[in-house]
Amino acid sequence: MKKQPSTEQEVKQAIEVILSDKKSYPTSLNYAVNYCLAAQSMSGHELYVQLLYILNNISHWRHPEAKAVREVLKNFKA
């Protein structure tokens, strides 16, 4: 069974989860924070491309919701 594509609203909520993990900013979220901040004002294809950068920079991020956040970001289709 194939997953439904994520909506922009779901993506923005997932980005908020990343940004809320301030204790990980200096370590596993180093560059991802700036990409997330920029993504908050994007939509469509521009947001999709930004999510590729975010996903690449959260690969070492450990958080209770990290797996769910990654899934939402991966399932977004512009």
C-alpha atoms as a PDB file:
ATOM      1  CA  MET A   1       0.000   0.000   0.000  1.00  0.00           C
ATOM      2  CA  LYS A   2       1.386   3.362  -1.038  1.00  0.00           C
ATOM      3  CA  LYS A   3       1.416   6.316   1.350  1.00  0.00           C
ATOM      4  CA  GLN A   4      -0.521   9.473   0.582  1.00  0.00           C
ATOM      5  CA  PRO A   5       1.677  12.448  -0.320  1.00  0.00           C
ATOM      6  CA  SER A   6       2.253  14.897   2.526  1.00  0.00           C
ATOM      7  CA  THR A   7       0.555  18.281   2.343  1.00  0.00           C
ATOM      8  CA  GLU A   8       2.368  21.583   2.727  1.00  0.00           C
ATOM      9  CA  GLN A   9       0.662  22.020   6.101  1.00  0.00           C
ATOM     10  CA  GLU A  10       2.032  18.671   7.322  1.00  0.00           C
ATOM     11  CA  VAL A  11       5.493  19.607   6.076  1.00  0.00           C
ATOM     12  CA  LYS A  12       5.376  22.954   7.900  1.00  0.00           C
ATOM     13  CA  GLN A  13       4.343  21.163  11.122  1.00  0.00           C
ATOM     14  CA  ALA A  14       7.245  18.727  10.710  1.00  0.00           C
ATOM     15  CA  ILE A  15       9.629  21.650  10.217  1.00  0.00           C
ATOM     16  CA  GLU A  16       8.300  23.177  13.457  1.00  0.00           C
ATOM     17  CA  VAL A  17       9.228  19.940  15.271  1.00  0.00           C
ATOM     18  CA  ILE A  18      12.768  20.217  13.943  1.00  0.00           C
ATOM     19  CA  LEU A  19      13.017  23.873  14.947  1.00  0.00           C
ATOM     20  CA  SER A  20      11.645  23.137  18.423  1.00  0.00           C
ATOM     21  CA  ASP A  21      14.591  20.814  19.224  1.00  0.00           C
ATOM     22  CA  LYS A  22      16.913  23.675  20.216  1.00  0.00           C
ATOM     23  CA  LYS A  23      19.281  21.448  22.208  1.00  0.00           C
ATOM     24  CA  SER A  24      20.284  19.681  18.956  1.00  0.00           C
ATOM     25  CA  TYR A  25      21.055  22.915  17.062  1.00  0.00           C
ATOM     26  CA  PRO A  26      24.831  22.880  17.648  1.00  0.00           C
ATOM     27  CA  THR A  27      25.202  19.178  16.846  1.00  0.00           C
ATOM     28  CA  SER A  28      22.910  17.129  14.604  1.00  0.00           C
ATOM     29  CA  LEU A  29      20.840  20.073  13.313  1.00  0.00           C
ATOM     30  CA  ASN A  30      23.732  22.392  12.572  1.00  0.00           C
ATOM     31  CA  TYR A  31      22.914  23.404   8.963  1.00  0.00           C
ATOM     32  CA  ALA A  32      19.353  22.082   8.918  1.00  0.00           C
ATOM     33  CA  VAL A  33      18.111  24.946  11.100  1.00  0.00           C
ATOM     34  CA  ASN A  34      18.782  27.592   8.452  1.00  0.00           C
ATOM     35  CA  TYR A  35      17.268  25.415   5.739  1.00  0.00           C
ATOM     36  CA  CYS A  36      14.155  24.956   7.902  1.00  0.00           C
ATOM     37  CA  LEU A  37      13.864  28.673   8.581  1.00  0.00           C
ATOM     38  CA  ALA A  38      14.028  29.376   4.848  1.00  0.00           C
ATOM     39  CA  ALA A  39      11.508  26.616   4.063  1.00  0.00           C
ATOM     40  CA  GLN A  40       8.851  28.226   6.266  1.00  0.00           C
ATOM     41  CA  SER A  41       8.182  30.836   3.587  1.00  0.00           C
ATOM     42  CA  MET A  42       8.351  28.483   0.595  1.00  0.00           C
ATOM     43  CA  SER A  43       5.758  26.443  -1.262  1.00  0.00           C
ATOM     44  CA  GLY A  44       5.448  24.094  -4.214  1.00  0.00           C
ATOM     45  CA  HIS A  45       8.561  22.990  -6.067  1.00  0.00           C
ATOM     46  CA  GLU A  46      10.748  25.463  -4.204  1.00  0.00           C
ATOM     47  CA  LEU A  47       9.732  23.824  -0.909  1.00  0.00           C
ATOM     48  CA  TYR A  48      10.329  20.359  -2.367  1.00  0.00           C
ATOM     49  CA  VAL A  49      13.915  21.254  -3.293  1.00  0.00           C
ATOM     50  CA  GLN A  50      14.509  22.780   0.142  1.00  0.00           C
ATOM     51  CA  LEU A  51      13.277  19.568   1.771  1.00  0.00           C
ATOM     52  CA  LEU A  52      16.041  17.657  -0.007  1.00  0.00           C
ATOM     53  CA  TYR A  53      18.584  19.882   1.754  1.00  0.00           C
ATOM     54  CA  ILE A  54      16.805  19.472   5.091  1.00  0.00           C
ATOM     55  CA  LEU A  55      16.612  15.682   4.781  1.00  0.00           C
ATOM     56  CA  ASN A  56      20.291  15.498   3.929  1.00  0.00           C
ATOM     57  CA  ASN A  57      21.155  17.499   7.045  1.00  0.00           C
ATOM     58  CA  ILE A  58      18.966  15.691   9.586  1.00  0.00           C
ATOM     59  CA  SER A  59      20.300  12.187   8.944  1.00  0.00           C
ATOM     60  CA  HIS A  60      22.043  12.117  12.360  1.00  0.00           C
ATOM     61  CA  TRP A  61      19.203  13.815  14.241  1.00  0.00           C
ATOM     62  CA  ARG A  62      17.809  11.741  17.098  1.00  0.00           C
ATOM     63  CA  HIS A  63      14.457  12.786  18.503  1.00  0.00           C
ATOM     64  CA  PRO A  64      11.324  10.875  19.559  1.00  0.00           C
ATOM     65  CA  GLU A  65       9.522  12.214  16.463  1.00  0.00           C
ATOM     66  CA  ALA A  66      12.493  12.105  14.055  1.00  0.00           C
ATOM     67  CA  LYS A  67      11.299   9.071  12.096  1.00  0.00           C
ATOM     68  CA  ALA A  68       7.809  10.506  11.597  1.00  0.00           C
ATOM     69  CA  VAL A  69       9.239  13.894  10.591  1.00  0.00           C
ATOM     70  CA  ARG A  70      11.505  12.277   7.986  1.00  0.00           C
ATOM     71  CA  GLU A  71       8.556  10.330   6.560  1.00  0.00           C
ATOM     72  CA  VAL A  72       6.448  13.480   6.178  1.00  0.00           C
ATOM     73  CA  LEU A  73       9.302  15.310   4.455  1.00  0.00           C
ATOM     74  CA  LYS A  74      10.063  12.381   2.134  1.00  0.00           C
ATOM     75  CA  ASN A  75       6.409  11.980   1.145  1.00  0.00           C
ATOM     76  CA  PHE A  76       5.948  15.571  -0.021  1.00  0.00           C
ATOM     77  CA  LYS A  77       5.317  15.895  -3.750  1.00  0.00           C
ATOM     78  CA  ALA A  78       5.357  19.320  -5.337  1.00  0.00           C
END
